[in-house]
Amino acid sequence: MTHQFLPDPWEDTWRPPVTGQQYRPQNRTVLIRLLNRERARQGCRPVRLDRTMTRAAQRHSDYMARAGVLSHAGPYTSGPGDRLTEEGYRWRRAAENLARSKPNAATALRLWKASPKHRAAMLTCAYRHAGVGVSSRRGQAWWTLVLAVPR
C-alpha cells in the first residue's frame, strides 16, 4: 500500500499518515523522562505522555521530515492547537517545541534548554500532558514536543 504524501487541494480533511519513519519508540519515553527531570528541578510536577497528543506530534514530525522544513505550520493547519483538536484532544492551553537534530532525545532536549522560549515552554508548571513525535530522514531527526493543559 502506498501513501499519498502530497495533499489533494480539493480534500480539506487530508492529514499525513502516522508512520514514524525509522522511529525508535524508546525515544519518546527517554525524552519525557529527561524533560520530567528538568521540570522537577524547577519544582514542576511531571507531564504524562498522552496517546492522542503523541499521534498529533508524530504526524507533524513525519510531515516535517518529508517536506524538509522545520515549521509550526503544517498542511491545512495553522498550528499545534489545530493538530491537537483534529486528533480529538480537548485542550485549554498548548505549546510546541520543534527541533532538527541527531536522533537522540538528549540532543533535542539540550537544544530546547538553550533557547529561552523553548525552555520556558518546557518548564511551565501548568502543563500536565505531553506528546512526542520523532521521524528520521537522512541521518537527521525531526522532533515535535507538544505540551498541554486539558480542558
N, C-alpha and C. Protein backbone atom coordinates (compact mmCIF):
# COMPACT_ATOMS: atom_id res chain seq x y z
N MET A 1 0.84 -1.18 0.00
CA MET A 1 0.00 0.00 0.00
C MET A 1 0.88 1.24 0.00
N THR A 2 0.61 2.17 -0.87
CA THR A 2 1.38 3.41 -0.90
C THR A 2 0.53 4.53 -0.36
N HIS A 3 1.21 5.47 0.29
CA HIS A 3 0.51 6.63 0.83
C HIS A 3 0.73 7.82 -0.08
N GLN A 4 -0.27 8.62 -0.25
CA GLN A 4 -0.11 9.86 -0.97
C GLN A 4 0.35 10.90 0.04
N PHE A 5 1.58 11.39 -0.13
CA PHE A 5 2.13 12.31 0.85
C PHE A 5 1.83 13.77 0.54
N LEU A 6 1.46 14.07 -0.69
CA LEU A 6 1.12 15.45 -1.01
C LEU A 6 -0.38 15.62 -0.86
N PRO A 7 -0.80 16.75 -0.29
CA PRO A 7 -2.23 16.94 -0.08
C PRO A 7 -2.97 17.13 -1.40
N ASP A 8 -4.16 16.60 -1.46
CA ASP A 8 -5.04 16.85 -2.58
C ASP A 8 -5.68 18.21 -2.32
N PRO A 9 -5.50 19.19 -3.23
CA PRO A 9 -6.03 20.54 -2.96
C PRO A 9 -7.55 20.58 -2.81
N TRP A 10 -8.25 19.55 -3.28
CA TRP A 10 -9.70 19.52 -3.16
C TRP A 10 -10.16 18.82 -1.90
N GLU A 11 -9.24 18.23 -1.18
CA GLU A 11 -9.56 17.48 0.03
C GLU A 11 -9.11 18.28 1.25
N ASP A 12 -10.02 18.92 1.94
CA ASP A 12 -9.62 19.77 3.06
C ASP A 12 -9.48 19.01 4.39
N THR A 13 -9.68 17.71 4.37
CA THR A 13 -9.50 16.93 5.60
C THR A 13 -8.26 16.06 5.56
N TRP A 14 -7.39 16.27 4.56
CA TRP A 14 -6.18 15.47 4.43
C TRP A 14 -5.26 15.70 5.61
N ARG A 15 -4.72 14.59 6.15
CA ARG A 15 -3.70 14.66 7.18
C ARG A 15 -2.63 13.64 6.84
N PRO A 16 -1.38 13.95 7.11
CA PRO A 16 -0.34 12.96 6.81
C PRO A 16 -0.52 11.72 7.67
N PRO A 17 -0.16 10.55 7.14
CA PRO A 17 -0.28 9.34 7.94
C PRO A 17 0.73 9.31 9.07
N VAL A 18 0.43 8.58 10.11
CA VAL A 18 1.38 8.39 11.20
C VAL A 18 2.29 7.24 10.80
N THR A 19 3.55 7.54 10.54
CA THR A 19 4.45 6.48 10.11
C THR A 19 5.61 6.28 11.07
N GLY A 20 6.15 7.36 11.63
CA GLY A 20 7.32 7.23 12.50
C GLY A 20 8.48 6.64 11.73
N GLN A 21 8.79 7.23 10.58
CA GLN A 21 9.84 6.72 9.71
C GLN A 21 11.13 6.48 10.49
N GLN A 22 11.65 5.27 10.40
CA GLN A 22 12.86 4.87 11.10
C GLN A 22 12.82 5.28 12.57
N TYR A 23 11.70 5.07 13.17
CA TYR A 23 11.42 5.55 14.52
C TYR A 23 11.76 4.48 15.56
N ARG A 24 12.34 4.92 16.65
CA ARG A 24 12.61 4.03 17.78
C ARG A 24 11.71 4.46 18.95
N PRO A 25 10.75 3.61 19.36
CA PRO A 25 9.79 4.01 20.39
C PRO A 25 10.41 4.47 21.70
N GLN A 26 11.57 3.96 22.06
CA GLN A 26 12.15 4.36 23.34
C GLN A 26 12.52 5.84 23.36
N ASN A 27 12.66 6.49 22.20
CA ASN A 27 12.98 7.92 22.19
C ASN A 27 11.92 8.74 22.91
N ARG A 28 10.66 8.35 22.77
CA ARG A 28 9.58 9.10 23.43
C ARG A 28 9.72 9.04 24.95
N THR A 29 9.89 7.85 25.47
CA THR A 29 9.96 7.71 26.92
C THR A 29 11.24 8.32 27.48
N VAL A 30 12.32 8.23 26.73
CA VAL A 30 13.58 8.84 27.18
C VAL A 30 13.41 10.36 27.23
N LEU A 31 12.82 10.94 26.19
CA LEU A 31 12.63 12.39 26.17
C LEU A 31 11.75 12.83 27.33
N ILE A 32 10.66 12.13 27.58
CA ILE A 32 9.76 12.51 28.68
C ILE A 32 10.46 12.36 30.03
N ARG A 33 11.24 11.29 30.19
CA ARG A 33 11.98 11.11 31.45
C ARG A 33 12.97 12.27 31.66
N LEU A 34 13.72 12.65 30.63
CA LEU A 34 14.66 13.78 30.74
C LEU A 34 13.93 15.10 30.98
N LEU A 35 12.82 15.29 30.29
CA LEU A 35 12.02 16.50 30.47
C LEU A 35 11.50 16.58 31.90
N ASN A 36 10.98 15.49 32.42
CA ASN A 36 10.44 15.49 33.78
C ASN A 36 11.52 15.71 34.83
N ARG A 37 12.72 15.27 34.54
CA ARG A 37 13.85 15.55 35.45
C ARG A 37 14.11 17.06 35.51
N GLU A 38 14.07 17.73 34.35
CA GLU A 38 14.25 19.19 34.32
C GLU A 38 13.09 19.89 35.03
N ARG A 39 11.88 19.42 34.79
CA ARG A 39 10.71 20.02 35.43
C ARG A 39 10.79 19.88 36.95
N ALA A 40 11.24 18.73 37.43
CA ALA A 40 11.37 18.51 38.88
C ALA A 40 12.38 19.48 39.49
N ARG A 41 13.45 19.77 38.79
CA ARG A 41 14.45 20.74 39.28
C ARG A 41 13.86 22.13 39.45
N GLN A 42 12.82 22.43 38.68
CA GLN A 42 12.15 23.73 38.76
C GLN A 42 10.93 23.71 39.67
N GLY A 43 10.68 22.56 40.29
CA GLY A 43 9.54 22.45 41.20
C GLY A 43 8.23 22.13 40.51
N CYS A 44 8.27 21.70 39.24
CA CYS A 44 7.05 21.36 38.49
C CYS A 44 6.74 19.87 38.62
N ARG A 45 5.46 19.56 38.57
CA ARG A 45 5.06 18.15 38.52
C ARG A 45 5.40 17.57 37.17
N PRO A 46 5.54 16.26 37.08
CA PRO A 46 5.86 15.64 35.78
C PRO A 46 4.68 15.72 34.81
N VAL A 47 5.00 15.72 33.51
CA VAL A 47 3.97 15.60 32.48
C VAL A 47 3.81 14.12 32.17
N ARG A 48 2.63 13.77 31.71
CA ARG A 48 2.33 12.38 31.36
C ARG A 48 2.16 12.30 29.85
N LEU A 49 2.78 11.29 29.25
CA LEU A 49 2.68 11.07 27.82
C LEU A 49 1.24 10.70 27.47
N ASP A 50 0.66 11.46 26.55
CA ASP A 50 -0.73 11.24 26.13
C ASP A 50 -0.75 10.67 24.71
N ARG A 51 -1.50 9.60 24.52
CA ARG A 51 -1.55 8.90 23.23
C ARG A 51 -2.07 9.80 22.10
N THR A 52 -3.13 10.55 22.36
CA THR A 52 -3.72 11.41 21.33
C THR A 52 -2.75 12.53 20.96
N MET A 53 -2.13 13.13 21.95
CA MET A 53 -1.16 14.19 21.68
C MET A 53 0.06 13.64 20.93
N THR A 54 0.46 12.44 21.28
CA THR A 54 1.60 11.81 20.61
C THR A 54 1.28 11.55 19.15
N ARG A 55 0.06 11.15 18.86
CA ARG A 55 -0.35 10.93 17.46
C ARG A 55 -0.24 12.24 16.67
N ALA A 56 -0.70 13.34 17.26
CA ALA A 56 -0.60 14.64 16.59
C ALA A 56 0.86 15.05 16.39
N ALA A 57 1.68 14.84 17.41
CA ALA A 57 3.10 15.19 17.32
C ALA A 57 3.81 14.33 16.28
N GLN A 58 3.48 13.03 16.24
CA GLN A 58 4.13 12.14 15.27
C GLN A 58 3.75 12.51 13.84
N ARG A 59 2.49 12.82 13.61
CA ARG A 59 2.07 13.25 12.27
C ARG A 59 2.88 14.48 11.84
N HIS A 60 3.07 15.41 12.78
CA HIS A 60 3.78 16.63 12.41
C HIS A 60 5.27 16.35 12.15
N SER A 61 5.89 15.50 12.96
CA SER A 61 7.29 15.14 12.72
C SER A 61 7.44 14.45 11.36
N ASP A 62 6.52 13.55 11.03
CA ASP A 62 6.56 12.87 9.73
C ASP A 62 6.41 13.88 8.59
N TYR A 63 5.49 14.81 8.75
CA TYR A 63 5.29 15.84 7.73
C TYR A 63 6.57 16.67 7.54
N MET A 64 7.17 17.12 8.64
CA MET A 64 8.37 17.96 8.54
C MET A 64 9.52 17.20 7.87
N ALA A 65 9.69 15.92 8.24
CA ALA A 65 10.77 15.12 7.66
C ALA A 65 10.57 14.96 6.15
N ARG A 66 9.34 14.68 5.72
CA ARG A 66 9.07 14.53 4.29
C ARG A 66 9.25 15.84 3.53
N ALA A 67 8.75 16.92 4.12
CA ALA A 67 8.81 18.23 3.46
C ALA A 67 10.19 18.87 3.58
N GLY A 68 10.98 18.44 4.55
CA GLY A 68 12.30 19.02 4.75
C GLY A 68 12.26 20.41 5.35
N VAL A 69 11.22 20.69 6.13
CA VAL A 69 11.07 22.00 6.75
C VAL A 69 10.83 21.85 8.25
N LEU A 70 11.33 22.80 8.99
CA LEU A 70 11.07 22.85 10.43
C LEU A 70 10.11 24.01 10.63
N SER A 71 8.85 23.69 10.89
CA SER A 71 7.82 24.73 10.94
C SER A 71 6.68 24.33 11.85
N HIS A 72 6.14 25.31 12.56
CA HIS A 72 4.97 25.06 13.40
C HIS A 72 3.70 24.92 12.56
N ALA A 73 3.75 25.39 11.33
CA ALA A 73 2.60 25.28 10.43
C ALA A 73 2.71 23.98 9.64
N GLY A 74 1.61 23.26 9.57
CA GLY A 74 1.57 22.02 8.79
C GLY A 74 0.58 22.18 7.66
N PRO A 75 0.37 21.11 6.89
CA PRO A 75 -0.59 21.21 5.79
C PRO A 75 -2.00 21.39 6.33
N TYR A 76 -2.70 22.38 5.85
CA TYR A 76 -4.08 22.65 6.21
C TYR A 76 -4.31 22.97 7.68
N THR A 77 -3.26 23.17 8.45
CA THR A 77 -3.45 23.58 9.84
C THR A 77 -2.52 24.74 10.12
N SER A 78 -2.94 25.59 11.03
CA SER A 78 -2.12 26.76 11.31
C SER A 78 -1.22 26.58 12.52
N GLY A 79 -1.41 25.55 13.29
CA GLY A 79 -0.55 25.41 14.45
C GLY A 79 -0.83 24.18 15.28
N PRO A 80 -0.11 24.05 16.39
CA PRO A 80 -0.24 22.85 17.23
C PRO A 80 -1.63 22.67 17.83
N GLY A 81 -2.28 23.73 18.19
CA GLY A 81 -3.63 23.61 18.74
C GLY A 81 -4.60 22.99 17.75
N ASP A 82 -4.47 23.40 16.48
CA ASP A 82 -5.32 22.81 15.44
C ASP A 82 -5.07 21.32 15.30
N ARG A 83 -3.80 20.92 15.35
CA ARG A 83 -3.48 19.49 15.21
C ARG A 83 -4.02 18.69 16.40
N LEU A 84 -3.92 19.26 17.60
CA LEU A 84 -4.46 18.58 18.78
C LEU A 84 -5.98 18.41 18.66
N THR A 85 -6.64 19.47 18.25
CA THR A 85 -8.09 19.43 18.09
C THR A 85 -8.49 18.40 17.04
N GLU A 86 -7.77 18.37 15.91
CA GLU A 86 -8.07 17.41 14.85
C GLU A 86 -7.95 15.96 15.33
N GLU A 87 -7.02 15.71 16.24
CA GLU A 87 -6.84 14.35 16.76
C GLU A 87 -7.84 14.01 17.86
N GLY A 88 -8.57 15.03 18.34
CA GLY A 88 -9.58 14.77 19.36
C GLY A 88 -9.16 15.10 20.78
N TYR A 89 -8.01 15.76 20.94
CA TYR A 89 -7.57 16.15 22.29
C TYR A 89 -8.22 17.48 22.64
N ARG A 90 -8.87 17.53 23.79
CA ARG A 90 -9.52 18.76 24.24
C ARG A 90 -8.56 19.51 25.15
N TRP A 91 -8.07 20.64 24.67
CA TRP A 91 -7.04 21.38 25.38
C TRP A 91 -7.51 22.78 25.73
N ARG A 92 -6.88 23.32 26.76
CA ARG A 92 -7.14 24.69 27.19
C ARG A 92 -5.95 25.58 26.87
N ARG A 93 -4.75 25.02 26.98
CA ARG A 93 -3.51 25.77 26.72
C ARG A 93 -2.51 24.77 26.14
N ALA A 94 -1.76 25.21 25.11
CA ALA A 94 -0.81 24.28 24.48
C ALA A 94 0.43 25.03 24.00
N ALA A 95 1.53 24.29 23.93
CA ALA A 95 2.79 24.81 23.41
C ALA A 95 3.45 23.70 22.60
N GLU A 96 4.32 24.10 21.69
CA GLU A 96 5.00 23.13 20.84
C GLU A 96 6.46 23.52 20.69
N ASN A 97 7.35 22.57 20.90
CA ASN A 97 8.78 22.73 20.64
C ASN A 97 9.16 21.82 19.48
N LEU A 98 9.94 22.35 18.55
CA LEU A 98 10.40 21.59 17.40
C LEU A 98 11.92 21.62 17.36
N ALA A 99 12.51 20.56 16.83
CA ALA A 99 13.96 20.53 16.66
C ALA A 99 14.31 19.59 15.51
N ARG A 100 15.40 19.92 14.85
CA ARG A 100 16.03 19.02 13.87
C ARG A 100 17.42 18.77 14.40
N SER A 101 17.69 17.53 14.73
CA SER A 101 18.96 17.22 15.39
C SER A 101 19.36 15.78 15.12
N LYS A 102 20.35 15.33 15.86
CA LYS A 102 20.70 13.92 15.83
C LYS A 102 19.54 13.13 16.43
N PRO A 103 19.41 11.87 16.03
CA PRO A 103 18.27 11.09 16.53
C PRO A 103 18.44 10.56 17.95
N ASN A 104 18.71 11.45 18.90
CA ASN A 104 18.65 11.01 20.30
C ASN A 104 18.01 12.10 21.13
N ALA A 105 17.25 11.66 22.11
CA ALA A 105 16.41 12.55 22.90
C ALA A 105 17.21 13.60 23.67
N ALA A 106 18.36 13.24 24.18
CA ALA A 106 19.17 14.18 24.96
C ALA A 106 19.60 15.37 24.12
N THR A 107 19.91 15.14 22.85
CA THR A 107 20.32 16.24 21.97
C THR A 107 19.17 17.21 21.75
N ALA A 108 17.98 16.69 21.48
CA ALA A 108 16.81 17.55 21.28
C ALA A 108 16.53 18.36 22.54
N LEU A 109 16.56 17.72 23.69
CA LEU A 109 16.29 18.43 24.94
C LEU A 109 17.34 19.51 25.19
N ARG A 110 18.59 19.22 24.90
CA ARG A 110 19.67 20.19 25.08
C ARG A 110 19.45 21.43 24.21
N LEU A 111 18.99 21.23 22.96
CA LEU A 111 18.69 22.37 22.08
C LEU A 111 17.58 23.23 22.66
N TRP A 112 16.53 22.59 23.15
CA TRP A 112 15.41 23.35 23.72
C TRP A 112 15.81 24.08 25.00
N LYS A 113 16.64 23.46 25.81
CA LYS A 113 17.08 24.11 27.05
C LYS A 113 17.91 25.36 26.75
N ALA A 114 18.61 25.38 25.61
CA ALA A 114 19.46 26.52 25.26
C ALA A 114 18.66 27.71 24.71
N SER A 115 17.41 27.49 24.37
CA SER A 115 16.56 28.55 23.83
C SER A 115 15.61 29.03 24.93
N PRO A 116 15.66 30.32 25.28
CA PRO A 116 14.78 30.82 26.35
C PRO A 116 13.29 30.53 26.13
N LYS A 117 12.78 30.70 24.91
CA LYS A 117 11.35 30.46 24.66
C LYS A 117 11.01 28.97 24.79
N HIS A 118 11.86 28.10 24.26
CA HIS A 118 11.59 26.67 24.34
C HIS A 118 11.72 26.17 25.78
N ARG A 119 12.71 26.68 26.46
CA ARG A 119 12.92 26.31 27.86
C ARG A 119 11.71 26.73 28.71
N ALA A 120 11.23 27.95 28.47
CA ALA A 120 10.07 28.44 29.22
C ALA A 120 8.85 27.55 28.98
N ALA A 121 8.65 27.11 27.75
CA ALA A 121 7.52 26.23 27.45
C ALA A 121 7.65 24.91 28.22
N MET A 122 8.84 24.32 28.20
CA MET A 122 9.05 23.03 28.87
C MET A 122 8.87 23.14 30.38
N LEU A 123 9.22 24.29 30.92
CA LEU A 123 9.21 24.44 32.38
C LEU A 123 8.00 25.21 32.89
N THR A 124 6.96 25.28 32.08
CA THR A 124 5.69 25.85 32.53
C THR A 124 4.98 24.78 33.35
N CYS A 125 4.86 25.04 34.63
CA CYS A 125 4.33 24.03 35.55
C CYS A 125 2.87 23.67 35.29
N ALA A 126 2.13 24.53 34.60
CA ALA A 126 0.71 24.26 34.34
C ALA A 126 0.50 23.06 33.43
N TYR A 127 1.45 22.76 32.56
CA TYR A 127 1.26 21.66 31.61
C TYR A 127 1.21 20.32 32.33
N ARG A 128 0.26 19.47 31.91
CA ARG A 128 0.06 18.16 32.53
C ARG A 128 0.31 17.00 31.57
N HIS A 129 0.05 17.22 30.27
CA HIS A 129 0.18 16.16 29.28
C HIS A 129 1.22 16.55 28.24
N ALA A 130 1.80 15.53 27.60
CA ALA A 130 2.79 15.75 26.55
C ALA A 130 2.58 14.74 25.43
N GLY A 131 3.01 15.14 24.25
CA GLY A 131 3.05 14.26 23.09
C GLY A 131 4.40 14.43 22.44
N VAL A 132 4.99 13.33 22.00
CA VAL A 132 6.32 13.38 21.38
C VAL A 132 6.25 12.68 20.03
N GLY A 133 6.78 13.35 19.01
CA GLY A 133 6.93 12.75 17.70
C GLY A 133 8.37 12.85 17.28
N VAL A 134 8.86 11.82 16.62
CA VAL A 134 10.22 11.86 16.07
C VAL A 134 10.24 11.04 14.80
N SER A 135 10.79 11.64 13.76
CA SER A 135 10.89 10.97 12.47
C SER A 135 12.27 11.23 11.91
N SER A 136 12.90 10.21 11.37
CA SER A 136 14.27 10.33 10.86
C SER A 136 14.28 10.33 9.34
N ARG A 137 15.18 11.13 8.82
CA ARG A 137 15.40 11.16 7.37
C ARG A 137 16.82 11.63 7.12
N ARG A 138 17.56 10.83 6.39
CA ARG A 138 18.94 11.15 6.02
C ARG A 138 19.80 11.51 7.23
N GLY A 139 19.66 10.73 8.29
CA GLY A 139 20.50 10.92 9.47
C GLY A 139 20.07 12.05 10.40
N GLN A 140 19.02 12.76 10.04
CA GLN A 140 18.50 13.83 10.89
C GLN A 140 17.19 13.38 11.52
N ALA A 141 16.96 13.80 12.74
CA ALA A 141 15.68 13.52 13.41
C ALA A 141 14.88 14.81 13.48
N TRP A 142 13.61 14.69 13.21
CA TRP A 142 12.68 15.81 13.27
C TRP A 142 11.81 15.58 14.50
N TRP A 143 11.98 16.40 15.52
CA TRP A 143 11.33 16.24 16.82
C TRP A 143 10.17 17.20 16.98
N THR A 144 9.10 16.70 17.56
CA THR A 144 7.96 17.55 17.96
C THR A 144 7.62 17.19 19.40
N LEU A 145 7.62 18.19 20.25
CA LEU A 145 7.17 18.04 21.64
C LEU A 145 5.98 18.96 21.82
N VAL A 146 4.84 18.40 22.15
CA VAL A 146 3.63 19.18 22.41
C VAL A 146 3.29 19.04 23.89
N LEU A 147 3.03 20.17 24.52
CA LEU A 147 2.66 20.21 25.95
C LEU A 147 1.29 20.86 26.06
N ALA A 148 0.46 20.38 26.96
CA ALA A 148 -0.87 20.96 27.05
C ALA A 148 -1.48 20.81 28.44
N VAL A 149 -2.46 21.67 28.66
CA VAL A 149 -3.34 21.60 29.81
C VAL A 149 -4.68 21.15 29.26
N PRO A 150 -5.21 20.03 29.75
CA PRO A 150 -6.50 19.57 29.22
C PRO A 150 -7.66 20.44 29.70
N ARG A 151 -8.74 20.40 28.95
CA ARG A 151 -9.97 21.09 29.35
C ARG A 151 -10.63 20.37 30.48
